[in-house]
């Protein structure tokens, strides 16, 4: 959300160009969605740790990228690693939760887990939107 606004308002990229540059997020996330069978080979906690490590590396790369010239060396790998890490973490957290839940409580635990994820996403999105709006109001959006 922040990158599309930055690219369109500051760097004057078109909407379609911004959307194309976001493509690695969707492709990598889609591919990582099929890694559920890895939990039969590796412990989910190690897969989750790997996903979180990918997210940390992606955060550092995003901090280093500053302009349009930094897309390929920093932003593209950050989008790829970050979305892979987030999807690995999400997918294998669900697997780990259901592996440790008694069968009689699986639906209740699943509903609580999904509700917590949605609540956290709503709060996080509201916070980021509020911060972005405040910064744009103070600094004029450019």
C-alpha atoms as a PDB file:
ATOM      1  CA  UNK A   1       0.000   0.000   0.000  1.00  0.00           C
ATOM      2  CA  UNK A   2       2.743   2.431   0.900  1.00  0.00           C
ATOM      3  CA  UNK A   3       4.897   1.515  -2.094  1.00  0.00           C
ATOM      4  CA  UNK A   4       2.105   1.992  -4.624  1.00  0.00           C
ATOM      5  CA  UNK A   5       1.418   5.470  -3.227  1.00  0.00           C
ATOM      6  CA  UNK A   6       5.135   6.307  -3.205  1.00  0.00           C
ATOM      7  CA  UNK A   7       5.663   5.135  -6.758  1.00  0.00           C
ATOM      8  CA  UNK A   8       2.606   6.917  -8.140  1.00  0.00           C
ATOM      9  CA  UNK A   9       2.786  10.215  -6.246  1.00  0.00           C
ATOM     10  CA  UNK A  10       6.523  10.752  -5.835  1.00  0.00           C
ATOM     11  CA  UNK A  11       8.136   8.867  -8.723  1.00  0.00           C
ATOM     12  CA  UNK A  12       5.211   9.595 -11.100  1.00  0.00           C
ATOM     13  CA  UNK A  13       4.819   5.974 -12.216  1.00  0.00           C
ATOM     14  CA  UNK A  14       1.572   4.989 -13.880  1.00  0.00           C
ATOM     15  CA  UNK A  15      -0.947   2.818 -12.056  1.00  0.00           C
ATOM     16  CA  UNK A  16      -0.251  -0.142 -14.341  1.00  0.00           C
ATOM     17  CA  UNK A  17       3.506   0.206 -13.834  1.00  0.00           C
ATOM     18  CA  UNK A  18       3.042   0.196 -10.058  1.00  0.00           C
ATOM     19  CA  UNK A  19       0.808  -2.869 -10.319  1.00  0.00           C
ATOM     20  CA  UNK A  20       3.330  -4.733 -12.482  1.00  0.00           C
ATOM     21  CA  UNK A  21       6.081  -3.956  -9.982  1.00  0.00           C
ATOM     22  CA  UNK A  22       3.921  -5.532  -7.243  1.00  0.00           C
ATOM     23  CA  UNK A  23       3.624  -8.761  -9.244  1.00  0.00           C
ATOM     24  CA  UNK A  24       6.418 -10.632  -7.355  1.00  0.00           C
ATOM     25  CA  UNK A  25       4.333 -10.477  -4.178  1.00  0.00           C
ATOM     26  CA  UNK A  26       1.454 -12.397  -5.710  1.00  0.00           C
ATOM     27  CA  UNK A  27       3.537 -14.917  -7.631  1.00  0.00           C
ATOM     28  CA  UNK A  28       5.755 -15.816  -4.694  1.00  0.00           C
ATOM     29  CA  UNK A  29       2.873 -15.996  -2.233  1.00  0.00           C
ATOM     30  CA  UNK A  30       0.917 -18.244  -4.579  1.00  0.00           C
ATOM     31  CA  UNK A  31       3.898 -20.580  -4.968  1.00  0.00           C
ATOM     32  CA  UNK A  32       4.547 -20.734  -1.211  1.00  0.00           C
ATOM     33  CA  UNK A  33       0.917 -21.650  -0.608  1.00  0.00           C
ATOM     34  CA  UNK A  34       1.711 -25.133  -1.913  1.00  0.00           C
ATOM     35  CA  UNK A  35       4.414 -25.887   0.672  1.00  0.00           C
ATOM     36  CA  UNK A  36       2.069 -27.530   3.168  1.00  0.00           C
ATOM     37  CA  UNK A  37       3.503 -30.979   2.473  1.00  0.00           C
ATOM     38  CA  UNK A  38       6.916 -29.780   3.704  1.00  0.00           C
ATOM     39  CA  UNK A  39       5.603 -30.199   7.251  1.00  0.00           C
ATOM     40  CA  UNK A  40       5.819 -33.970   6.756  1.00  0.00           C
ATOM     41  CA  UNK A  41       9.548 -33.677   6.086  1.00  0.00           C
ATOM     42  CA  UNK A  42      10.554 -30.793   8.382  1.00  0.00           C
ATOM     43  CA  UNK A  43       9.146 -29.674  11.695  1.00  0.00           C
ATOM     44  CA  UNK A  44       6.747 -26.740  11.211  1.00  0.00           C
ATOM     45  CA  UNK A  45       8.689 -24.715  13.783  1.00  0.00           C
ATOM     46  CA  UNK A  46      11.769 -24.738  11.525  1.00  0.00           C
ATOM     47  CA  UNK A  47       9.720 -23.761   8.498  1.00  0.00           C
ATOM     48  CA  UNK A  48       8.106 -20.938  10.489  1.00  0.00           C
ATOM     49  CA  UNK A  49      11.545 -19.786  11.674  1.00  0.00           C
ATOM     50  CA  UNK A  50      12.771 -19.792   8.069  1.00  0.00           C
ATOM     51  CA  UNK A  51       9.757 -17.739   7.003  1.00  0.00           C
ATOM     52  CA  UNK A  52      10.328 -15.206   9.762  1.00  0.00           C
ATOM     53  CA  UNK A  53      14.000 -14.986   8.790  1.00  0.00           C
ATOM     54  CA  UNK A  54      12.967 -14.260   5.192  1.00  0.00           C
ATOM     55  CA  UNK A  55      10.727 -11.469   6.511  1.00  0.00           C
ATOM     56  CA  UNK A  56      13.593  -9.949   8.521  1.00  0.00           C
ATOM     57  CA  UNK A  57      15.922  -9.954   5.507  1.00  0.00           C
ATOM     58  CA  UNK A  58      13.153  -8.412   3.394  1.00  0.00           C
ATOM     59  CA  UNK A  59      12.674  -5.632   5.936  1.00  0.00           C
ATOM     60  CA  UNK A  60      16.362  -4.741   5.776  1.00  0.00           C
ATOM     61  CA  UNK A  61      16.292  -4.748   1.972  1.00  0.00           C
ATOM     62  CA  UNK A  62      13.228  -2.495   1.913  1.00  0.00           C
ATOM     63  CA  UNK A  63      14.981  -0.069   4.241  1.00  0.00           C
ATOM     64  CA  UNK A  64      17.941   0.092   1.850  1.00  0.00           C
ATOM     65  CA  UNK A  65      15.838   0.761  -1.250  1.00  0.00           C
ATOM     66  CA  UNK A  66      15.225   4.448  -1.741  1.00  0.00           C
ATOM     67  CA  UNK A  67      14.382   5.264  -5.334  1.00  0.00           C
ATOM     68  CA  UNK A  68      13.293   3.802  -8.650  1.00  0.00           C
ATOM     69  CA  UNK A  69      16.888   2.791  -9.414  1.00  0.00           C
ATOM     70  CA  UNK A  70      16.822   0.528  -6.327  1.00  0.00           C
ATOM     71  CA  UNK A  71      13.902  -1.622  -7.502  1.00  0.00           C
ATOM     72  CA  UNK A  72      15.898  -4.537  -8.937  1.00  0.00           C
ATOM     73  CA  UNK A  73      18.746  -4.708  -6.394  1.00  0.00           C
ATOM     74  CA  UNK A  74      16.632  -4.151  -3.253  1.00  0.00           C
ATOM     75  CA  UNK A  75      12.855  -3.933  -3.683  1.00  0.00           C
ATOM     76  CA  UNK A  76      12.321  -6.937  -5.980  1.00  0.00           C
ATOM     77  CA  UNK A  77      14.275  -9.360  -3.750  1.00  0.00           C
ATOM     78  CA  UNK A  78      12.586  -7.870  -0.682  1.00  0.00           C
ATOM     79  CA  UNK A  79       9.122  -8.396  -2.173  1.00  0.00           C
ATOM     80  CA  UNK A  80      10.010 -11.952  -3.169  1.00  0.00           C
ATOM     81  CA  UNK A  81      11.591 -12.912   0.167  1.00  0.00           C
ATOM     82  CA  UNK A  82       9.049 -11.050   2.280  1.00  0.00           C
ATOM     83  CA  UNK A  83       6.002 -12.534   0.624  1.00  0.00           C
ATOM     84  CA  UNK A  84       7.584 -16.010   0.632  1.00  0.00           C
ATOM     85  CA  UNK A  85       8.386 -15.662   4.325  1.00  0.00           C
ATOM     86  CA  UNK A  86       4.952 -14.342   5.236  1.00  0.00           C
ATOM     87  CA  UNK A  87       3.196 -17.118   3.340  1.00  0.00           C
ATOM     88  CA  UNK A  88       5.455 -19.813   4.800  1.00  0.00           C
ATOM     89  CA  UNK A  89       4.770 -18.466   8.267  1.00  0.00           C
ATOM     90  CA  UNK A  90       1.013 -18.214   7.697  1.00  0.00           C
ATOM     91  CA  UNK A  91       0.652 -21.647   6.116  1.00  0.00           C
ATOM     92  CA  UNK A  92       2.768 -23.536   8.610  1.00  0.00           C
ATOM     93  CA  UNK A  93       1.356 -21.699  11.630  1.00  0.00           C
ATOM     94  CA  UNK A  94      -2.017 -23.108  10.657  1.00  0.00           C
ATOM     95  CA  UNK A  95      -0.528 -26.573  10.248  1.00  0.00           C
ATOM     96  CA  UNK A  96       1.241 -26.376  13.613  1.00  0.00           C
ATOM     97  CA  UNK A  97      -1.928 -25.185  15.351  1.00  0.00           C
ATOM     98  CA  UNK A  98      -4.004 -28.014  13.930  1.00  0.00           C
ATOM     99  CA  UNK A  99      -1.324 -30.630  14.630  1.00  0.00           C
ATOM    100  CA  UNK A 100      -1.378 -29.718  18.305  1.00  0.00           C
ATOM    101  CA  UNK A 101      -5.167 -29.399  18.628  1.00  0.00           C
ATOM    102  CA  UNK A 102      -7.430 -32.275  19.691  1.00  0.00           C
ATOM    103  CA  UNK A 103      -9.758 -33.313  16.875  1.00  0.00           C
ATOM    104  CA  UNK A 104     -12.848 -32.441  18.923  1.00  0.00           C
ATOM    105  CA  UNK A 105     -11.706 -28.798  19.282  1.00  0.00           C
ATOM    106  CA  UNK A 106     -10.243 -28.246  15.802  1.00  0.00           C
ATOM    107  CA  UNK A 107     -13.120 -26.163  14.433  1.00  0.00           C
ATOM    108  CA  UNK A 108     -13.264 -23.910  17.502  1.00  0.00           C
ATOM    109  CA  UNK A 109      -9.512 -23.377  17.512  1.00  0.00           C
ATOM    110  CA  UNK A 110      -9.573 -22.689  13.769  1.00  0.00           C
ATOM    111  CA  UNK A 111     -12.296 -20.070  14.180  1.00  0.00           C
ATOM    112  CA  UNK A 112     -10.468 -18.348  17.051  1.00  0.00           C
ATOM    113  CA  UNK A 113      -7.188 -18.400  15.131  1.00  0.00           C
ATOM    114  CA  UNK A 114      -8.801 -16.960  11.985  1.00  0.00           C
ATOM    115  CA  UNK A 115     -10.601 -14.297  14.020  1.00  0.00           C
ATOM    116  CA  UNK A 116      -7.365 -13.283  15.721  1.00  0.00           C
ATOM    117  CA  UNK A 117      -5.565 -13.019  12.372  1.00  0.00           C
ATOM    118  CA  UNK A 118      -8.338 -10.887  10.874  1.00  0.00           C
ATOM    119  CA  UNK A 119      -8.515  -8.662  13.946  1.00  0.00           C
ATOM    120  CA  UNK A 120      -4.744  -8.141  13.903  1.00  0.00           C
ATOM    121  CA  UNK A 121      -4.801  -7.373  10.181  1.00  0.00           C
ATOM    122  CA  UNK A 122      -7.575  -4.822  10.639  1.00  0.00           C
ATOM    123  CA  UNK A 123      -5.742  -3.064  13.471  1.00  0.00           C
ATOM    124  CA  UNK A 124      -2.449  -3.103  11.564  1.00  0.00           C
ATOM    125  CA  UNK A 125      -4.006  -1.752   8.370  1.00  0.00           C
ATOM    126  CA  UNK A 126      -5.788   0.993  10.304  1.00  0.00           C
ATOM    127  CA  UNK A 127      -2.535   1.959  12.028  1.00  0.00           C
ATOM    128  CA  UNK A 128      -0.522   2.084   8.803  1.00  0.00           C
ATOM    129  CA  UNK A 129      -3.232   4.089   7.049  1.00  0.00           C
ATOM    130  CA  UNK A 130      -3.399   6.564   9.925  1.00  0.00           C
ATOM    131  CA  UNK A 131       0.366   7.037   9.988  1.00  0.00           C
ATOM    132  CA  UNK A 132       0.582   7.403   6.209  1.00  0.00           C
ATOM    133  CA  UNK A 133      -2.252   9.945   6.156  1.00  0.00           C
ATOM    134  CA  UNK A 134      -0.671  11.965   8.972  1.00  0.00           C
ATOM    135  CA  UNK A 135       2.731  12.044   7.290  1.00  0.00           C
ATOM    136  CA  UNK A 136       1.193  13.081   3.974  1.00  0.00           C
ATOM    137  CA  UNK A 137      -0.791  15.857   5.689  1.00  0.00           C
ATOM    138  CA  UNK A 138       2.306  17.209   7.427  1.00  0.00           C
ATOM    139  CA  UNK A 139       4.761  16.863   4.534  1.00  0.00           C
ATOM    140  CA  UNK A 140       2.362  17.483   1.672  1.00  0.00           C
ATOM    141  CA  UNK A 141       2.645  14.036   0.119  1.00  0.00           C
ATOM    142  CA  UNK A 142       5.911  14.701  -1.677  1.00  0.00           C
END
